[in-house]
Amino acid sequence: MRIRDVGRGHSLDAPAVVAIEDDGRRRQVIAVGQGALGAPARPGLVLAHPFRHPRVPVGDFVVADALLAGLVRSFAKSIHGFPRPLLRVLIHPQHELEGGLTPIERRAFEELANNCGARRIAVYEGPELADRDINDALFSKLRN
């Protein structure tokens, strides 16, 4: 998973994994990304991969939401010292889906971005874009 601030040139690459402690009564997120992989193994600790599913791009929405929120929060703190609101977000699923995203899958990605504080959201399917292409081609459509 990659998070980029295209305006400032900062980025964060992290594994799409969440460490969840499950004691049988409740589930609690312990760490996300690299921190989840480094979490010490113990009973009840599960590593969840929300985007690993053979048929759909988001296999577990709740875990994906926790992952994205945690990564965005740590990314914003690392480059700004405090979380700042996201104004525009591009979600770009990297794996090929036969026939493309369905409206439900597209909506799931939009909701994930919305839950992280995005005010403008674009879901893009296609080859990887350069930063200038993201700003010029996609977000110009969102500036209204």
C-alpha atoms as a PDB file:
ATOM      1  CA  MET A   1       0.000   0.000   0.000  1.00  0.00           C
ATOM      2  CA  ARG A   2       1.323   3.426  -0.916  1.00  0.00           C
ATOM      3  CA  ILE A   3       0.234   6.797   0.445  1.00  0.00           C
ATOM      4  CA  ARG A   4       1.588   9.872  -1.320  1.00  0.00           C
ATOM      5  CA  ASP A   5       1.331  13.590  -0.859  1.00  0.00           C
ATOM      6  CA  VAL A   6       1.842  14.504  -4.517  1.00  0.00           C
ATOM      7  CA  GLY A   7       2.025  18.218  -3.797  1.00  0.00           C
ATOM      8  CA  ARG A   8       4.977  17.877  -1.447  1.00  0.00           C
ATOM      9  CA  GLY A   9       6.559  14.717  -2.827  1.00  0.00           C
ATOM     10  CA  HIS A  10       6.314  12.676   0.384  1.00  0.00           C
ATOM     11  CA  SER A  11       5.255   9.035   0.383  1.00  0.00           C
ATOM     12  CA  LEU A  12       4.785   6.048   2.657  1.00  0.00           C
ATOM     13  CA  ASP A  13       4.961   2.435   1.525  1.00  0.00           C
ATOM     14  CA  ALA A  14       3.560  -0.054   3.996  1.00  0.00           C
ATOM     15  CA  PRO A  15       2.305  -3.610   3.953  1.00  0.00           C
ATOM     16  CA  ALA A  16      -1.499  -3.839   3.872  1.00  0.00           C
ATOM     17  CA  VAL A  17      -1.798  -5.714   7.141  1.00  0.00           C
ATOM     18  CA  VAL A  18      -3.439  -5.077  10.515  1.00  0.00           C
ATOM     19  CA  ALA A  19      -2.559  -6.735  13.830  1.00  0.00           C
ATOM     20  CA  ILE A  20      -5.771  -7.448  15.728  1.00  0.00           C
ATOM     21  CA  GLU A  21      -6.036  -8.773  19.261  1.00  0.00           C
ATOM     22  CA  ASP A  22      -9.089 -10.987  19.640  1.00  0.00           C
ATOM     23  CA  ASP A  23      -9.852 -12.133  23.188  1.00  0.00           C
ATOM     24  CA  GLY A  24     -13.165 -13.743  22.251  1.00  0.00           C
ATOM     25  CA  ARG A  25     -15.262 -10.805  23.467  1.00  0.00           C
ATOM     26  CA  ARG A  26     -13.873  -7.949  21.434  1.00  0.00           C
ATOM     27  CA  ARG A  27     -11.390  -7.228  18.683  1.00  0.00           C
ATOM     28  CA  GLN A  28      -8.892  -4.408  19.056  1.00  0.00           C
ATOM     29  CA  VAL A  29      -6.462  -3.047  16.468  1.00  0.00           C
ATOM     30  CA  ILE A  30      -2.945  -3.200  17.909  1.00  0.00           C
ATOM     31  CA  ALA A  31      -0.880  -1.981  14.943  1.00  0.00           C
ATOM     32  CA  VAL A  32      -1.055  -1.377  11.190  1.00  0.00           C
ATOM     33  CA  GLY A  33       1.417  -1.726   8.336  1.00  0.00           C
ATOM     34  CA  GLN A  34       5.013  -2.452   9.286  1.00  0.00           C
ATOM     35  CA  GLY A  35       4.123  -2.182  12.963  1.00  0.00           C
ATOM     36  CA  ALA A  36       1.656  -5.037  12.548  1.00  0.00           C
ATOM     37  CA  LEU A  37       4.326  -7.261  11.021  1.00  0.00           C
ATOM     38  CA  GLY A  38       6.629  -6.439  13.922  1.00  0.00           C
ATOM     39  CA  ALA A  39       4.032  -7.162  16.608  1.00  0.00           C
ATOM     40  CA  PRO A  40       5.216  -9.974  18.899  1.00  0.00           C
ATOM     41  CA  ALA A  41       3.316 -13.223  18.387  1.00  0.00           C
ATOM     42  CA  ARG A  42       0.966 -14.145  21.218  1.00  0.00           C
ATOM     43  CA  PRO A  43      -2.294 -16.019  21.661  1.00  0.00           C
ATOM     44  CA  GLY A  44      -5.250 -14.121  20.252  1.00  0.00           C
ATOM     45  CA  LEU A  45      -3.149 -11.936  17.945  1.00  0.00           C
ATOM     46  CA  VAL A  46      -4.233 -12.185  14.317  1.00  0.00           C
ATOM     47  CA  LEU A  47      -2.667 -10.568  11.256  1.00  0.00           C
ATOM     48  CA  ALA A  48      -5.494  -9.531   8.916  1.00  0.00           C
ATOM     49  CA  HIS A  49      -5.024  -8.663   5.235  1.00  0.00           C
ATOM     50  CA  PRO A  50      -8.147  -6.748   4.184  1.00  0.00           C
ATOM     51  CA  PHE A  51      -7.352  -6.626   0.472  1.00  0.00           C
ATOM     52  CA  ARG A  52      -6.462 -10.296   0.015  1.00  0.00           C
ATOM     53  CA  HIS A  53      -9.501 -11.983  -1.391  1.00  0.00           C
ATOM     54  CA  PRO A  54      -9.787 -14.087  -4.537  1.00  0.00           C
ATOM     55  CA  ARG A  55     -12.935 -12.390  -5.865  1.00  0.00           C
ATOM     56  CA  VAL A  56     -13.210  -8.845  -4.517  1.00  0.00           C
ATOM     57  CA  PRO A  57     -10.723  -5.994  -3.969  1.00  0.00           C
ATOM     58  CA  VAL A  58     -11.871  -5.316  -0.379  1.00  0.00           C
ATOM     59  CA  GLY A  59     -12.347  -8.553   1.535  1.00  0.00           C
ATOM     60  CA  ASP A  60     -12.915  -7.009   4.982  1.00  0.00           C
ATOM     61  CA  PHE A  61     -14.185  -3.425   5.015  1.00  0.00           C
ATOM     62  CA  VAL A  62     -13.811  -2.888   8.779  1.00  0.00           C
ATOM     63  CA  VAL A  63     -10.182  -4.013   8.771  1.00  0.00           C
ATOM     64  CA  ALA A  64      -9.451  -2.006   5.593  1.00  0.00           C
ATOM     65  CA  ASP A  65     -10.944   1.060   7.300  1.00  0.00           C
ATOM     66  CA  ALA A  66      -8.698   0.583  10.353  1.00  0.00           C
ATOM     67  CA  LEU A  67      -5.657   0.053   8.130  1.00  0.00           C
ATOM     68  CA  LEU A  68      -6.207   3.129   5.997  1.00  0.00           C
ATOM     69  CA  ALA A  69      -7.078   5.342   8.969  1.00  0.00           C
ATOM     70  CA  GLY A  70      -3.990   4.231  10.874  1.00  0.00           C
ATOM     71  CA  LEU A  71      -1.634   4.665   7.933  1.00  0.00           C
ATOM     72  CA  VAL A  72      -3.036   8.071   6.962  1.00  0.00           C
ATOM     73  CA  ARG A  73      -2.819   9.268  10.569  1.00  0.00           C
ATOM     74  CA  SER A  74       0.814   8.168  10.968  1.00  0.00           C
ATOM     75  CA  PHE A  75       1.740   9.544   7.526  1.00  0.00           C
ATOM     76  CA  ALA A  76       0.222  12.950   8.280  1.00  0.00           C
ATOM     77  CA  LYS A  77       1.978  13.099  11.649  1.00  0.00           C
ATOM     78  CA  SER A  78       5.321  12.104  10.145  1.00  0.00           C
ATOM     79  CA  ILE A  79       5.355  14.872   7.527  1.00  0.00           C
ATOM     80  CA  HIS A  80       3.380  17.624   9.252  1.00  0.00           C
ATOM     81  CA  GLY A  81       3.772  16.917  12.963  1.00  0.00           C
ATOM     82  CA  PHE A  82      -0.001  16.657  13.336  1.00  0.00           C
ATOM     83  CA  PRO A  83      -2.862  15.141  11.365  1.00  0.00           C
ATOM     84  CA  ARG A  84      -4.228  17.506   8.759  1.00  0.00           C
ATOM     85  CA  PRO A  85      -7.434  17.051   6.839  1.00  0.00           C
ATOM     86  CA  LEU A  86      -7.186  15.360   3.484  1.00  0.00           C
ATOM     87  CA  LEU A  87      -8.702  17.460   0.781  1.00  0.00           C
ATOM     88  CA  ARG A  88      -8.348  15.226  -2.260  1.00  0.00           C
ATOM     89  CA  VAL A  89      -7.727  11.482  -2.365  1.00  0.00           C
ATOM     90  CA  LEU A  90      -7.095   9.154  -5.260  1.00  0.00           C
ATOM     91  CA  ILE A  91      -7.724   5.457  -4.665  1.00  0.00           C
ATOM     92  CA  HIS A  92      -5.931   3.341  -7.249  1.00  0.00           C
ATOM     93  CA  PRO A  93      -6.419  -0.434  -6.862  1.00  0.00           C
ATOM     94  CA  GLN A  94      -3.295  -2.087  -8.226  1.00  0.00           C
ATOM     95  CA  HIS A  95      -4.552  -5.553  -9.041  1.00  0.00           C
ATOM     96  CA  GLU A  96      -6.351  -6.391 -12.251  1.00  0.00           C
ATOM     97  CA  LEU A  97     -10.030  -7.215 -11.983  1.00  0.00           C
ATOM     98  CA  GLU A  98     -11.773  -8.863 -14.880  1.00  0.00           C
ATOM     99  CA  GLY A  99     -14.390  -6.402 -16.089  1.00  0.00           C
ATOM    100  CA  GLY A 100     -13.162  -3.631 -13.788  1.00  0.00           C
ATOM    101  CA  LEU A 101     -14.633  -2.450 -10.499  1.00  0.00           C
ATOM    102  CA  THR A 102     -18.330  -2.840  -9.865  1.00  0.00           C
ATOM    103  CA  PRO A 103     -20.283   0.140  -8.512  1.00  0.00           C
ATOM    104  CA  ILE A 104     -20.332  -1.549  -5.088  1.00  0.00           C
ATOM    105  CA  GLU A 105     -16.552  -2.002  -5.087  1.00  0.00           C
ATOM    106  CA  ARG A 106     -16.044   1.587  -6.228  1.00  0.00           C
ATOM    107  CA  ARG A 107     -18.357   2.760  -3.421  1.00  0.00           C
ATOM    108  CA  ALA A 108     -16.397   0.742  -0.854  1.00  0.00           C
ATOM    109  CA  PHE A 109     -13.173   2.533  -1.860  1.00  0.00           C
ATOM    110  CA  GLU A 110     -14.935   5.913  -1.757  1.00  0.00           C
ATOM    111  CA  GLU A 111     -16.238   5.170   1.741  1.00  0.00           C
ATOM    112  CA  LEU A 112     -12.761   4.171   2.925  1.00  0.00           C
ATOM    113  CA  ALA A 113     -11.360   7.505   1.719  1.00  0.00           C
ATOM    114  CA  ASN A 114     -14.316   9.403   3.166  1.00  0.00           C
ATOM    115  CA  ASN A 115     -13.792   7.763   6.560  1.00  0.00           C
ATOM    116  CA  CYS A 116     -10.210   9.110   6.568  1.00  0.00           C
ATOM    117  CA  GLY A 117     -11.442  12.665   6.140  1.00  0.00           C
ATOM    118  CA  ALA A 118     -11.263  13.104   2.373  1.00  0.00           C
ATOM    119  CA  ARG A 119     -13.434  15.841   0.965  1.00  0.00           C
ATOM    120  CA  ARG A 120     -12.874  15.003  -2.707  1.00  0.00           C
ATOM    121  CA  ILE A 121     -12.389  11.408  -3.818  1.00  0.00           C
ATOM    122  CA  ALA A 122     -11.491   9.790  -7.128  1.00  0.00           C
ATOM    123  CA  VAL A 123     -11.273   6.053  -7.769  1.00  0.00           C
ATOM    124  CA  TYR A 124      -9.005   5.342 -10.719  1.00  0.00           C
ATOM    125  CA  GLU A 125      -8.520   2.155 -12.732  1.00  0.00           C
ATOM    126  CA  GLY A 126      -5.639   1.935 -15.157  1.00  0.00           C
ATOM    127  CA  PRO A 127      -1.863   2.180 -15.380  1.00  0.00           C
ATOM    128  CA  GLU A 128       0.060   3.954 -12.648  1.00  0.00           C
ATOM    129  CA  LEU A 129       0.009   7.720 -13.052  1.00  0.00           C
ATOM    130  CA  ALA A 130       2.811  10.212 -12.564  1.00  0.00           C
ATOM    131  CA  ASP A 131       2.158  12.846  -9.893  1.00  0.00           C
ATOM    132  CA  ARG A 132       1.593  15.595 -12.486  1.00  0.00           C
ATOM    133  CA  ASP A 133      -1.021  13.399 -14.220  1.00  0.00           C
ATOM    134  CA  ILE A 134      -2.875  12.859 -10.955  1.00  0.00           C
ATOM    135  CA  ASN A 135      -3.138  16.586 -10.294  1.00  0.00           C
ATOM    136  CA  ASP A 136      -3.816  17.653 -13.877  1.00  0.00           C
ATOM    137  CA  ALA A 137      -6.044  14.939 -15.281  1.00  0.00           C
ATOM    138  CA  LEU A 138      -7.975  13.620 -12.299  1.00  0.00           C
ATOM    139  CA  PHE A 139      -8.207  16.280  -9.641  1.00  0.00           C
ATOM    140  CA  SER A 140      -8.991  19.079 -12.059  1.00  0.00           C
ATOM    141  CA  LYS A 141     -12.355  17.315 -12.468  1.00  0.00           C
ATOM    142  CA  LEU A 142     -12.881  17.467  -8.711  1.00  0.00           C
ATOM    143  CA  ARG A 143     -12.198  21.197  -8.239  1.00  0.00           C
ATOM    144  CA  ASN A 144     -15.670  22.609  -8.051  1.00  0.00           C
END
